[in-house]
């Protein structure tokens, strides 16, 4: 009984929240008339408003479908308890939710039931590179994993999911479809031109921009899982959906780790390091007795060290270990002992949010593969910790279809189905000094 009521309540709350965000964007767009924002900012805000309109439309559709199903059940004389135990009604809700979030929101427009009809015979499910790109481009979308236990077909309810292990950076970076390409080369500006004073009658001082390039090569990312053959007794649509969920989540988790690694170690075609290092020290208060420390100046130090001397780069996000987020929350003022930083998790996805220091508000994103700064001791080699930068400075290229194959032969005696999902993808930092790597220097320095 509480399930359908909760679903409708959450749907209405989501719609109200989206409308509130749209009103905020509307107010910001009105500032364009008075010249308070640039044309570029206006275009970005307009694009965000269009996306919100689409989101509101989809959420409203989901809410209306839930209401219709509930009304039909009540007309048939069934109580709310009957509704929540009717596997057909539960499956209808699940398919509506999956269609909205997985198909429409991510642009993965699949004919689920048509593909399910021949899934048992073909043992194959394929997402095109375009579909995969659209999936990775989505913002704040979480596909949950299949748990170890499989629900028996007597009465099929919804799968109980484990804690969300998705890493949101895969939804934030720029993605491009490179299906059919052997590699992908991106040109970038190493050094811009410099203007100087010109004396009449004397040739102007020459200053040419210097260019570089970054080549992205495909890497095979795969996932292998096993599921009991008993799952075939469940509807093939449900089976296919769970296989897709499992494989897509594993793909995203692995890609997220690859993205962070490329940000930290990436080089261009001439072995020029693409990211910038910010060393912590006793001077900036971020190194205490040989260990990393987060203090009342840490956030400002990082933000103001990013970008050139003439600007503070916008649209940047602080990627950090969960322990560092806790450490930010533990920082207290010297006199009143009040919290220096105000941490506000995102309601839809608590893995992201904002850290506020006075008038400075910085988005954050938790990445478990990053080393925590707080409490980490110096070693004989530098230790890279938090990463700060605009995710659009990283390009993720999808080189081919994301495919899922199912085989009953390998683990036949154990009664298991082997599920293999894989995709060809690669990425690189495409802007010089596009990210700032907060680093604990080696001991003795």
Protein backbone atom coordinates (compact mmCIF):
# COMPACT_ATOMS: atom_id res chain seq x y z
CA UNK A 1 0.00 0.00 0.00
CA UNK A 2 2.76 2.40 0.91
CA UNK A 3 4.62 1.60 -2.31
CA UNK A 4 2.24 3.20 -4.84
CA UNK A 5 1.49 6.15 -2.55
CA UNK A 6 5.20 6.74 -2.05
CA UNK A 7 5.83 6.49 -5.79
CA UNK A 8 3.15 9.08 -6.58
CA UNK A 9 4.35 11.36 -3.79
CA UNK A 10 7.93 11.18 -5.04
CA UNK A 11 6.82 11.80 -8.62
CA UNK A 12 4.91 14.93 -7.60
CA UNK A 13 7.83 16.14 -5.49
CA UNK A 14 10.20 15.65 -8.44
CA UNK A 15 7.90 17.64 -10.73
CA UNK A 16 7.61 20.48 -8.21
CA UNK A 17 11.39 20.57 -7.80
CA UNK A 18 11.89 20.69 -11.57
CA UNK A 19 9.38 23.52 -11.92
CA UNK A 20 11.23 25.46 -9.19
CA UNK A 21 14.53 24.99 -11.04
CA UNK A 22 12.90 26.14 -14.26
CA UNK A 23 11.67 29.33 -12.57
CA UNK A 24 15.21 30.03 -11.35
CA UNK A 25 16.52 29.64 -14.89
CA UNK A 26 13.77 31.91 -16.18
CA UNK A 27 14.85 34.66 -13.78
CA UNK A 28 18.47 34.29 -14.83
CA UNK A 29 17.50 34.43 -18.52
CA UNK A 30 15.60 37.66 -17.92
CA UNK A 31 18.90 39.25 -16.84
CA UNK A 32 20.03 39.01 -20.48
CA UNK A 33 17.80 41.94 -21.33
CA UNK A 34 19.66 44.16 -18.88
CA UNK A 35 23.04 42.94 -20.09
CA UNK A 36 23.95 41.20 -16.82
CA UNK A 37 24.87 37.93 -18.55
CA UNK A 38 26.75 37.23 -21.76
CA UNK A 39 25.25 35.69 -24.89
CA UNK A 40 27.21 32.50 -24.22
CA UNK A 41 25.76 32.22 -20.72
CA UNK A 42 22.29 32.94 -22.12
CA UNK A 43 22.63 30.13 -24.67
CA UNK A 44 23.77 27.66 -21.99
CA UNK A 45 20.87 28.60 -19.70
CA UNK A 46 18.42 28.30 -22.58
CA UNK A 47 19.69 24.79 -23.34
CA UNK A 48 19.32 23.84 -19.68
CA UNK A 49 15.74 25.12 -19.68
CA UNK A 50 14.91 23.03 -22.75
CA UNK A 51 16.27 19.93 -21.02
CA UNK A 52 14.20 20.73 -17.94
CA UNK A 53 11.07 21.02 -20.09
CA UNK A 54 11.74 17.54 -21.49
CA UNK A 55 12.37 16.20 -17.99
CA UNK A 56 9.12 17.71 -16.68
CA UNK A 57 7.21 16.17 -19.57
CA UNK A 58 8.64 12.71 -18.89
CA UNK A 59 8.10 12.89 -15.14
CA UNK A 60 4.52 14.01 -15.68
CA UNK A 61 3.95 11.09 -18.04
CA UNK A 62 5.29 8.67 -15.44
CA UNK A 63 3.05 10.13 -12.72
CA UNK A 64 -0.04 10.01 -14.96
CA UNK A 65 0.63 6.38 -15.91
CA UNK A 66 0.93 5.41 -12.25
CA UNK A 67 -2.37 7.17 -11.51
CA UNK A 68 -4.11 5.35 -14.39
CA UNK A 69 -2.90 1.95 -13.20
CA UNK A 70 -4.07 2.66 -9.66
CA UNK A 71 -7.48 3.88 -10.88
CA UNK A 72 -7.96 0.77 -13.06
CA UNK A 73 -7.14 -1.49 -10.12
CA UNK A 74 -9.62 0.33 -7.89
CA UNK A 75 -12.36 0.09 -10.58
CA UNK A 76 -11.87 -3.68 -10.69
CA UNK A 77 -12.60 -3.70 -6.98
CA UNK A 78 -9.10 -4.56 -5.87
CA UNK A 79 -7.69 -2.99 -2.75
CA UNK A 80 -4.32 -1.29 -2.53
CA UNK A 81 -2.82 -4.37 -0.91
CA UNK A 82 -3.92 -6.50 -3.86
CA UNK A 83 -2.41 -3.97 -6.20
CA UNK A 84 0.99 -4.17 -4.59
CA UNK A 85 1.04 -7.99 -4.77
CA UNK A 86 -0.17 -8.30 -8.37
CA UNK A 87 2.96 -9.22 -10.38
CA UNK A 88 1.44 -7.93 -13.62
CA UNK A 89 0.78 -4.52 -12.11
CA UNK A 90 4.21 -4.43 -10.53
CA UNK A 91 5.79 -5.34 -13.85
CA UNK A 92 3.78 -2.62 -15.61
CA UNK A 93 5.14 0.00 -13.21
CA UNK A 94 8.67 -1.34 -13.63
CA UNK A 95 8.42 -1.19 -17.42
CA UNK A 96 7.01 2.35 -17.32
CA UNK A 97 9.82 3.46 -15.04
CA UNK A 98 12.47 1.70 -17.09
CA UNK A 99 11.07 3.08 -20.36
CA UNK A 100 11.13 6.64 -19.02
CA UNK A 101 14.54 6.60 -17.38
CA UNK A 102 16.46 4.19 -19.57
CA UNK A 103 14.88 4.73 -22.97
CA UNK A 104 13.59 8.31 -23.18
CA UNK A 105 15.89 10.12 -20.74
CA UNK A 106 19.05 8.49 -22.00
CA UNK A 107 18.08 8.38 -25.66
CA UNK A 108 18.37 4.56 -25.69
CA UNK A 109 15.25 3.94 -27.77
CA UNK A 110 14.97 0.17 -27.80
CA UNK A 111 12.03 -1.97 -28.83
CA UNK A 112 12.25 -3.97 -25.60
CA UNK A 113 9.40 -6.41 -26.15
CA UNK A 114 10.30 -7.04 -29.80
CA UNK A 115 13.88 -7.86 -28.85
CA UNK A 116 12.69 -9.96 -25.93
CA UNK A 117 10.69 -12.19 -28.29
CA UNK A 118 13.84 -13.64 -29.86
CA UNK A 119 16.23 -13.10 -26.95
CA UNK A 120 16.11 -16.73 -25.79
CA UNK A 121 17.10 -18.03 -29.22
CA UNK A 122 19.66 -15.39 -30.24
CA UNK A 123 21.27 -15.06 -26.79
CA UNK A 124 22.36 -11.58 -27.85
CA UNK A 125 21.50 -8.00 -26.98
CA UNK A 126 23.32 -5.05 -28.55
CA UNK A 127 23.33 -1.33 -27.81
CA UNK A 128 24.73 0.80 -30.63
CA UNK A 129 27.60 3.22 -30.04
CA UNK A 130 25.09 6.06 -30.43
CA UNK A 131 22.88 4.54 -27.73
CA UNK A 132 25.85 4.11 -25.40
CA UNK A 133 26.99 7.70 -25.99
CA UNK A 134 23.49 8.97 -25.19
CA UNK A 135 23.51 6.89 -22.01
CA UNK A 136 26.85 8.31 -20.88
CA UNK A 137 25.72 11.86 -21.76
CA UNK A 138 22.77 11.65 -19.35
CA UNK A 139 22.96 13.68 -16.13
CA UNK A 140 22.10 12.34 -12.70
CA UNK A 141 20.75 9.05 -14.03
CA UNK A 142 21.42 5.94 -11.95
CA UNK A 143 21.01 2.38 -13.25
CA UNK A 144 21.10 0.00 -10.33
CA UNK A 145 22.82 -3.36 -10.26
CA UNK A 146 21.33 -6.85 -10.10
CA UNK A 147 21.83 -8.46 -6.71
CA UNK A 148 23.28 -11.92 -6.22
CA UNK A 149 19.90 -13.51 -5.47
CA UNK A 150 17.38 -14.11 -8.29
CA UNK A 151 13.67 -13.73 -7.50
CA UNK A 152 11.82 -17.02 -8.04
CA UNK A 153 8.99 -16.99 -10.59
CA UNK A 154 6.19 -17.91 -8.17
CA UNK A 155 5.40 -14.25 -7.47
CA UNK A 156 7.75 -11.82 -9.18
CA UNK A 157 8.40 -8.61 -7.29
CA UNK A 158 10.94 -5.87 -7.86
CA UNK A 159 14.63 -6.70 -7.42
CA UNK A 160 16.09 -5.39 -4.16
CA UNK A 161 19.17 -3.39 -5.10
CA UNK A 162 22.49 -2.97 -3.36
CA UNK A 163 23.92 0.46 -2.48
CA UNK A 164 24.43 2.60 -5.56
CA UNK A 165 28.01 2.12 -6.77
CA UNK A 166 27.75 4.36 -9.84
CA UNK A 167 30.32 7.13 -10.23
CA UNK A 168 28.75 10.26 -11.67
CA UNK A 169 31.84 11.52 -13.51
CA UNK A 170 30.89 9.24 -16.43
CA UNK A 171 27.71 11.32 -16.86
CA UNK A 172 29.57 14.63 -16.74
CA UNK A 173 32.44 14.33 -19.22
CA UNK A 174 32.06 15.09 -22.91
CA UNK A 175 31.36 12.04 -25.10
CA UNK A 176 31.61 11.51 -28.85
CA UNK A 177 30.57 8.65 -31.13
CA UNK A 178 33.65 7.35 -33.01
CA UNK A 179 32.12 4.11 -34.28
CA UNK A 180 34.22 2.70 -37.13
CA UNK A 181 37.30 4.83 -36.37
CA UNK A 182 40.66 3.28 -35.50
CA UNK A 183 41.66 6.28 -33.34
CA UNK A 184 40.57 9.85 -32.64
CA UNK A 185 42.94 12.85 -32.72
CA UNK A 186 42.01 16.13 -31.01
CA UNK A 187 44.01 19.34 -31.68
CA UNK A 188 44.42 21.85 -28.86
CA UNK A 189 46.19 25.14 -28.12
CA UNK A 190 49.41 24.69 -26.15
CA UNK A 191 50.37 28.36 -25.99
CA UNK A 192 48.24 31.30 -27.22
CA UNK A 193 49.59 34.34 -29.06
CA UNK A 194 50.83 37.32 -27.05
CA UNK A 195 50.18 40.91 -28.13
CA UNK A 196 52.85 43.59 -27.65
CA UNK A 197 53.39 47.28 -28.30
CA UNK A 198 54.18 48.21 -31.90
CA UNK A 199 56.47 51.11 -32.78
CA UNK A 200 55.74 53.01 -35.98
CA UNK A 201 58.12 52.06 -38.76
CA UNK A 202 59.28 48.94 -36.92
CA UNK A 203 58.05 45.43 -37.68
CA UNK A 204 55.66 44.01 -35.12
CA UNK A 205 56.96 41.41 -32.68
CA UNK A 206 56.07 37.95 -33.93
CA UNK A 207 53.98 35.76 -31.65
CA UNK A 208 52.51 32.59 -33.06
CA UNK A 209 50.20 30.24 -31.15
CA UNK A 210 51.61 26.79 -30.47
CA UNK A 211 49.37 23.81 -31.13
CA UNK A 212 49.43 20.22 -29.96
CA UNK A 213 47.29 17.13 -30.36
CA UNK A 214 45.96 14.29 -28.25
CA UNK A 215 45.20 10.88 -29.74
CA UNK A 216 42.52 8.69 -28.21
CA UNK A 217 42.83 4.99 -28.95
CA UNK A 218 40.10 2.43 -28.21
CA UNK A 219 40.39 0.10 -25.23
CA UNK A 220 38.23 -2.95 -24.64
CA UNK A 221 36.15 -2.69 -21.47
CA UNK A 222 34.30 -5.86 -20.52
CA UNK A 223 32.28 -7.44 -17.73
CA UNK A 224 31.61 -11.14 -17.09
CA UNK A 225 28.83 -12.30 -14.78
CA UNK A 226 26.94 -15.49 -14.00
CA UNK A 227 23.21 -15.89 -13.38
CA UNK A 228 21.25 -19.02 -12.48
CA UNK A 229 19.38 -20.64 -15.37
CA UNK A 230 16.28 -20.42 -13.17
CA UNK A 231 16.05 -16.78 -14.26
CA UNK A 232 14.83 -18.00 -17.68
CA UNK A 233 11.54 -18.91 -16.05
CA UNK A 234 10.93 -15.22 -15.46
CA UNK A 235 9.56 -13.00 -18.25
CA UNK A 236 12.27 -12.48 -20.91
CA UNK A 237 11.59 -8.72 -20.83
CA UNK A 238 12.50 -8.63 -17.12
CA UNK A 239 15.52 -10.85 -17.73
CA UNK A 240 16.82 -8.63 -20.53
CA UNK A 241 16.27 -5.47 -18.51
CA UNK A 242 18.23 -6.83 -15.57
CA UNK A 243 21.06 -8.02 -17.80
CA UNK A 244 21.23 -4.55 -19.33
CA UNK A 245 21.21 -2.90 -15.91
CA UNK A 246 23.95 -5.15 -14.60
CA UNK A 247 26.22 -4.74 -17.60
CA UNK A 248 25.71 -1.01 -18.05
CA UNK A 249 26.46 -0.28 -14.41
CA UNK A 250 29.64 -2.37 -14.46
CA UNK A 251 30.65 -0.60 -17.66
CA UNK A 252 30.14 2.83 -16.12
CA UNK A 253 32.07 1.96 -12.96
CA UNK A 254 35.04 0.75 -14.99
CA UNK A 255 34.92 3.73 -17.37
CA UNK A 256 34.87 6.08 -14.38
CA UNK A 257 38.08 4.55 -13.05
CA UNK A 258 39.67 4.86 -16.49
CA UNK A 259 38.65 8.52 -16.75
CA UNK A 260 40.25 9.41 -13.42
CA UNK A 261 43.43 7.54 -14.34
CA UNK A 262 43.68 9.35 -17.69
CA UNK A 263 43.14 12.70 -15.98
CA UNK A 264 45.96 12.02 -13.53
CA UNK A 265 48.48 10.58 -15.98
CA UNK A 266 47.34 11.70 -19.45
CA UNK A 267 49.84 13.13 -21.96
CA UNK A 268 49.54 14.52 -25.46
CA UNK A 269 51.23 13.11 -28.59
CA UNK A 270 54.57 14.69 -27.63
CA UNK A 271 54.44 13.38 -24.03
CA UNK A 272 53.41 16.75 -22.59
CA UNK A 273 51.47 16.30 -19.34
CA UNK A 274 47.94 17.64 -19.84
CA UNK A 275 46.91 18.21 -16.20
CA UNK A 276 48.45 20.63 -13.71
CA UNK A 277 49.84 19.73 -10.28
CA UNK A 278 48.97 21.66 -7.13
CA UNK A 279 51.35 20.69 -4.32
CA UNK A 280 50.13 20.85 -0.75
CA UNK A 281 52.59 22.23 1.79
CA UNK A 282 53.01 23.48 5.34
CA UNK A 283 52.80 27.01 3.90
CA UNK A 284 49.27 26.60 2.59
CA UNK A 285 48.33 24.60 5.70
CA UNK A 286 47.49 21.44 3.76
CA UNK A 287 50.47 19.45 5.04
CA UNK A 288 50.87 18.90 8.79
CA UNK A 289 53.61 16.71 10.29
CA UNK A 290 54.04 14.97 6.97
CA UNK A 291 50.35 14.20 6.45
CA UNK A 292 47.71 15.75 4.20
CA UNK A 293 45.23 18.03 5.92
CA UNK A 294 42.08 19.92 4.96
CA UNK A 295 41.81 23.32 6.63
CA UNK A 296 39.72 26.49 6.40
CA UNK A 297 41.63 27.68 3.28
CA UNK A 298 41.75 24.43 1.30
CA UNK A 299 38.76 25.06 -0.97
CA UNK A 300 39.86 28.60 -1.86
CA UNK A 301 43.44 27.48 -2.45
CA UNK A 302 42.33 24.85 -4.94
CA UNK A 303 39.75 26.97 -6.80
CA UNK A 304 41.97 30.05 -7.11
CA UNK A 305 44.92 27.96 -8.32
CA UNK A 306 42.92 26.63 -11.27
CA UNK A 307 43.09 28.46 -14.62
CA UNK A 308 45.35 31.28 -15.76
CA UNK A 309 46.53 34.32 -13.85
CA UNK A 310 43.85 36.48 -15.49
CA UNK A 311 40.81 34.33 -14.78
CA UNK A 312 39.06 31.88 -12.49
CA UNK A 313 37.78 29.02 -14.67
CA UNK A 314 34.06 28.28 -14.26
CA UNK A 315 31.95 25.12 -14.52
CA UNK A 316 34.55 23.15 -12.55
CA UNK A 317 33.87 20.28 -10.15
CA UNK A 318 35.87 18.98 -7.18
CA UNK A 319 36.36 15.21 -7.46
CA UNK A 320 37.29 13.68 -4.12
CA UNK A 321 37.31 10.62 -1.93
CA UNK A 322 34.40 10.29 0.51
CA UNK A 323 36.81 10.62 3.45
CA UNK A 324 37.88 14.05 2.21
CA UNK A 325 34.24 15.15 2.04
CA UNK A 326 33.91 14.11 5.68
CA UNK A 327 37.10 16.04 6.48
CA UNK A 328 35.68 19.20 4.90
CA UNK A 329 32.65 18.86 7.16
CA UNK A 330 34.89 18.46 10.24
CA UNK A 331 36.72 21.78 9.78
CA UNK A 332 35.75 24.25 12.52
CA UNK A 333 36.44 27.94 13.06
CA UNK A 334 39.04 29.06 15.61
CA UNK A 335 36.73 31.07 17.85
CA UNK A 336 33.08 29.98 17.69
CA UNK A 337 33.93 26.45 16.56
CA UNK A 338 31.26 26.60 13.87
CA UNK A 339 31.54 24.55 10.69
CA UNK A 340 33.59 26.43 8.08
CA UNK A 341 32.13 24.53 5.13
CA UNK A 342 28.47 23.91 4.37
CA UNK A 343 27.98 20.60 2.52
CA UNK A 344 24.70 20.11 0.63
CA UNK A 345 24.21 16.71 -1.08
CA UNK A 346 22.04 16.57 -4.18
CA UNK A 347 18.60 15.18 -3.30
CA UNK A 348 18.37 12.98 -6.40
CA UNK A 349 21.97 11.75 -6.23
CA UNK A 350 23.85 12.28 -2.92
CA UNK A 351 27.13 11.26 -4.62
CA UNK A 352 27.19 14.82 -5.93
CA UNK A 353 26.40 18.14 -4.27
CA UNK A 354 28.01 21.43 -3.26
CA UNK A 355 30.56 22.63 -0.72
CA UNK A 356 30.06 26.25 0.33
CA UNK A 357 32.67 28.50 1.91
CA UNK A 358 31.10 31.88 2.47
CA UNK A 359 30.25 33.22 -0.98
CA UNK A 360 32.20 30.47 -2.73
CA UNK A 361 30.09 27.47 -3.78
CA UNK A 362 31.86 24.53 -5.43
CA UNK A 363 30.18 21.40 -6.86
CA UNK A 364 31.66 18.11 -5.69
CA UNK A 365 31.53 14.50 -6.91
CA UNK A 366 32.60 11.45 -4.91
CA UNK A 367 35.06 9.15 -6.70
CA UNK A 368 36.18 6.17 -4.56
CA UNK A 369 39.24 5.41 -6.71
CA UNK A 370 40.82 8.72 -5.68
CA UNK A 371 43.20 8.75 -2.71
CA UNK A 372 42.06 10.87 0.24
CA UNK A 373 44.19 13.93 1.03
CA UNK A 374 43.23 14.05 4.69
CA UNK A 375 45.46 11.84 6.83
CA UNK A 376 47.57 10.47 3.96
CA UNK A 377 51.28 10.53 4.80
CA UNK A 378 54.13 11.57 2.52
CA UNK A 379 56.05 8.74 0.86
CA UNK A 380 59.10 8.47 -1.36
CA UNK A 381 56.89 9.34 -4.36
CA UNK A 382 54.22 12.04 -4.85
CA UNK A 383 50.66 11.04 -3.94
CA UNK A 384 47.84 12.36 -6.14
CA UNK A 385 44.58 13.04 -4.29
CA UNK A 386 41.68 15.36 -5.18
CA UNK A 387 41.03 16.51 -8.77
CA UNK A 388 39.50 19.88 -9.69
CA UNK A 389 38.41 20.94 -13.16
CA UNK A 390 35.70 21.16 -15.76
CA UNK A 391 34.52 17.68 -16.85
CA UNK A 392 34.00 19.05 -20.38
CA UNK A 393 37.79 19.25 -20.67
CA UNK A 394 37.78 15.45 -20.92
CA UNK A 395 36.61 13.64 -24.07
CA UNK A 396 35.31 10.07 -23.91
CA UNK A 397 35.12 8.39 -27.33
CA UNK A 398 32.85 5.38 -27.96
CA UNK A 399 34.35 3.30 -30.80
CA UNK A 400 31.76 0.57 -31.17
CA UNK A 401 28.58 -1.07 -30.02
CA UNK A 402 28.13 -2.12 -26.43
CA UNK A 403 27.17 -5.79 -26.73
CA UNK A 404 25.82 -8.38 -24.32
CA UNK A 405 26.22 -12.09 -25.07
CA UNK A 406 24.74 -14.96 -23.08
CA UNK A 407 26.11 -18.51 -23.09
CA UNK A 408 24.75 -21.59 -21.31
CA UNK A 409 27.66 -23.84 -22.30
CA UNK A 410 30.61 -22.70 -20.16
CA UNK A 411 28.93 -23.31 -16.77
CA UNK A 412 26.40 -25.89 -17.98
CA UNK A 413 27.07 -28.40 -15.17
CA UNK A 414 26.61 -25.71 -12.53
CA UNK A 415 23.33 -24.56 -14.10
CA UNK A 416 24.64 -21.05 -14.72
CA UNK A 417 24.40 -18.64 -17.63
CA UNK A 418 27.54 -16.68 -18.50
CA UNK A 419 26.88 -13.05 -19.43
CA UNK A 420 29.59 -11.05 -21.21
CA UNK A 421 29.23 -7.33 -21.88
CA UNK A 422 31.87 -5.22 -23.59
CA UNK A 423 32.49 -1.91 -25.32
CA UNK A 424 35.40 -0.24 -27.11
CA UNK A 425 36.05 3.16 -25.54
CA UNK A 426 38.86 5.56 -24.72
CA UNK A 427 39.37 9.06 -23.39
CA UNK A 428 41.82 11.88 -22.80
CA UNK A 429 42.16 15.41 -21.41
CA UNK A 430 41.71 17.71 -24.42
CA UNK A 431 42.54 21.11 -22.83
CA UNK A 432 46.01 22.01 -21.56
CA UNK A 433 45.94 22.23 -17.76
CA UNK A 434 42.28 21.25 -17.97
CA UNK A 435 42.44 19.68 -14.51
CA UNK A 436 44.25 20.48 -11.27
CA UNK A 437 45.65 17.49 -9.36
CA UNK A 438 46.02 18.14 -5.63
CA UNK A 439 49.25 16.31 -4.78
CA UNK A 440 51.14 15.43 -1.61
CA UNK A 441 54.81 15.89 -2.59
CA UNK A 442 57.36 13.20 -1.87
CA UNK A 443 59.00 13.26 1.54
CA UNK A 444 61.95 15.60 1.95
CA UNK A 445 60.48 18.30 -0.30
